[in-house]
Amino acid sequence: MELSVAKARDHFSDAVNRAAFGGEVTYVTRGRTHERAAAIVPIELVEAYEDLIDREDGRIAQQRWEEIRAGRAEPVPADDVARELDL
């Protein structure tokens, strides 16, 4: 289902209930082209996505640690990373 921002505002609780109890995804669109800008989704979907990201981050960290221990890579100080990213 797709709703404009205005309709999503007017029917927000209905969209949330459809997500929570019916597993429905509602895309919120904006502009004349009705471009998708956001979504109201079941929490289980978001939690599954976050778990996937956490597992992938862990896999990458483990791979990086193994490369450093094997001498194939050098550790980079956090201050250097922050400076490079202008943080």
C-alpha atoms as a PDB file:
ATOM      1  CA  MET A   1       0.000   0.000   0.000  1.00  0.00           C
ATOM      2  CA  GLU A   2       1.143   3.554  -0.650  1.00  0.00           C
ATOM      3  CA  LEU A   3      -0.062   6.741   1.040  1.00  0.00           C
ATOM      4  CA  SER A   4       0.937  10.343   0.513  1.00  0.00           C
ATOM      5  CA  VAL A   5       2.430  12.108   3.518  1.00  0.00           C
ATOM      6  CA  ALA A   6      -0.883  13.903   4.120  1.00  0.00           C
ATOM      7  CA  LYS A   7      -2.924  10.691   3.956  1.00  0.00           C
ATOM      8  CA  ALA A   8      -0.384   8.845   6.099  1.00  0.00           C
ATOM      9  CA  ARG A   9      -0.738  11.590   8.712  1.00  0.00           C
ATOM     10  CA  ASP A  10      -4.527  11.357   8.613  1.00  0.00           C
ATOM     11  CA  HIS A  11      -4.532   7.540   8.771  1.00  0.00           C
ATOM     12  CA  PHE A  12      -1.386   6.927  10.807  1.00  0.00           C
ATOM     13  CA  SER A  13      -2.942   4.767  13.523  1.00  0.00           C
ATOM     14  CA  ASP A  14      -4.657   2.595  10.895  1.00  0.00           C
ATOM     15  CA  ALA A  15      -1.366   2.082   9.043  1.00  0.00           C
ATOM     16  CA  VAL A  16       0.424   1.229  12.300  1.00  0.00           C
ATOM     17  CA  ASN A  17      -2.276  -1.281  13.235  1.00  0.00           C
ATOM     18  CA  ARG A  18      -2.117  -2.896   9.787  1.00  0.00           C
ATOM     19  CA  ALA A  19       1.654  -3.253  10.222  1.00  0.00           C
ATOM     20  CA  ALA A  20       1.449  -4.525  13.794  1.00  0.00           C
ATOM     21  CA  PHE A  21      -1.447  -6.934  13.399  1.00  0.00           C
ATOM     22  CA  GLY A  22      -1.554  -7.701   9.688  1.00  0.00           C
ATOM     23  CA  GLY A  23       2.119  -7.598   8.725  1.00  0.00           C
ATOM     24  CA  GLU A  24       1.391  -4.957   6.081  1.00  0.00           C
ATOM     25  CA  VAL A  25       3.990  -2.527   4.764  1.00  0.00           C
ATOM     26  CA  THR A  26       2.746   0.981   3.958  1.00  0.00           C
ATOM     27  CA  TYR A  27       5.002   3.160   1.830  1.00  0.00           C
ATOM     28  CA  VAL A  28       4.767   6.896   2.479  1.00  0.00           C
ATOM     29  CA  THR A  29       5.188   8.932  -0.693  1.00  0.00           C
ATOM     30  CA  ARG A  30       5.828  12.597  -1.346  1.00  0.00           C
ATOM     31  CA  GLY A  31       5.890  15.100  -4.139  1.00  0.00           C
ATOM     32  CA  ARG A  32       4.147  15.148  -7.478  1.00  0.00           C
ATOM     33  CA  THR A  33       5.925  11.984  -8.541  1.00  0.00           C
ATOM     34  CA  HIS A  34       4.798  10.155  -5.403  1.00  0.00           C
ATOM     35  CA  GLU A  35       8.357   9.102  -4.661  1.00  0.00           C
ATOM     36  CA  ARG A  36       8.643   6.652  -1.775  1.00  0.00           C
ATOM     37  CA  ALA A  37      10.187   8.475   1.185  1.00  0.00           C
ATOM     38  CA  ALA A  38       9.511   6.236   4.186  1.00  0.00           C
ATOM     39  CA  ALA A  39       7.633   3.144   5.275  1.00  0.00           C
ATOM     40  CA  ILE A  40       5.513   1.965   8.151  1.00  0.00           C
ATOM     41  CA  VAL A  41       6.545  -1.642   8.677  1.00  0.00           C
ATOM     42  CA  PRO A  42       6.023  -4.481  11.146  1.00  0.00           C
ATOM     43  CA  ILE A  43       8.588  -4.310  13.943  1.00  0.00           C
ATOM     44  CA  GLU A  44       9.644  -7.905  13.239  1.00  0.00           C
ATOM     45  CA  LEU A  45      10.872  -6.796   9.828  1.00  0.00           C
ATOM     46  CA  VAL A  46      13.015  -4.040  11.311  1.00  0.00           C
ATOM     47  CA  GLU A  47      14.386  -6.308  14.040  1.00  0.00           C
ATOM     48  CA  ALA A  48      15.302  -8.985  11.478  1.00  0.00           C
ATOM     49  CA  TYR A  49      17.079  -6.325   9.392  1.00  0.00           C
ATOM     50  CA  GLU A  50      18.990  -5.046  12.442  1.00  0.00           C
ATOM     51  CA  ASP A  51      20.025  -8.619  13.329  1.00  0.00           C
ATOM     52  CA  LEU A  52      21.262  -9.126   9.764  1.00  0.00           C
ATOM     53  CA  ILE A  53      23.331  -5.926   9.933  1.00  0.00           C
ATOM     54  CA  ASP A  54      24.757  -6.893  13.330  1.00  0.00           C
ATOM     55  CA  ARG A  55      25.795 -10.328  12.050  1.00  0.00           C
ATOM     56  CA  GLU A  56      27.417  -8.810   8.966  1.00  0.00           C
ATOM     57  CA  ASP A  57      29.271  -6.219  11.078  1.00  0.00           C
ATOM     58  CA  GLY A  58      30.510  -9.031  13.323  1.00  0.00           C
ATOM     59  CA  ARG A  59      31.657 -11.071  10.327  1.00  0.00           C
ATOM     60  CA  ILE A  60      33.569  -8.094   8.925  1.00  0.00           C
ATOM     61  CA  ALA A  61      35.151  -7.321  12.311  1.00  0.00           C
ATOM     62  CA  GLN A  62      36.218 -10.964  12.724  1.00  0.00           C
ATOM     63  CA  GLN A  63      37.692 -11.007   9.216  1.00  0.00           C
ATOM     64  CA  ARG A  64      39.583  -7.774   9.881  1.00  0.00           C
ATOM     65  CA  TRP A  65      40.915  -9.109  13.200  1.00  0.00           C
ATOM     66  CA  GLU A  66      42.161 -12.268  11.478  1.00  0.00           C
ATOM     67  CA  GLU A  67      43.906 -10.168   8.797  1.00  0.00           C
ATOM     68  CA  ILE A  68      45.644  -8.076  11.473  1.00  0.00           C
ATOM     69  CA  ARG A  69      46.724 -11.142  13.476  1.00  0.00           C
ATOM     70  CA  ALA A  70      48.070 -12.786  10.307  1.00  0.00           C
ATOM     71  CA  GLY A  71      50.057  -9.654   9.436  1.00  0.00           C
ATOM     72  CA  ARG A  72      48.106  -8.979   6.250  1.00  0.00           C
ATOM     73  CA  ALA A  73      46.729  -5.678   7.566  1.00  0.00           C
ATOM     74  CA  GLU A  74      47.670  -2.967  10.037  1.00  0.00           C
ATOM     75  CA  PRO A  75      45.350  -1.601  12.704  1.00  0.00           C
ATOM     76  CA  VAL A  76      44.224   1.990  12.215  1.00  0.00           C
ATOM     77  CA  PRO A  77      43.872   4.176  15.333  1.00  0.00           C
ATOM     78  CA  ALA A  78      40.335   5.487  15.918  1.00  0.00           C
ATOM     79  CA  ASP A  79      41.643   9.063  16.009  1.00  0.00           C
ATOM     80  CA  ASP A  80      43.001   8.646  12.480  1.00  0.00           C
ATOM     81  CA  VAL A  81      39.679   7.314  11.226  1.00  0.00           C
ATOM     82  CA  ALA A  82      37.759  10.160  12.901  1.00  0.00           C
ATOM     83  CA  ARG A  83      40.104  12.729  11.407  1.00  0.00           C
ATOM     84  CA  GLU A  84      39.805  11.206   7.943  1.00  0.00           C
ATOM     85  CA  LEU A  85      35.994  11.241   8.198  1.00  0.00           C
ATOM     86  CA  ASP A  86      35.927  14.773   9.667  1.00  0.00           C
ATOM     87  CA  LEU A  87      34.224  13.565  12.835  1.00  0.00           C
END
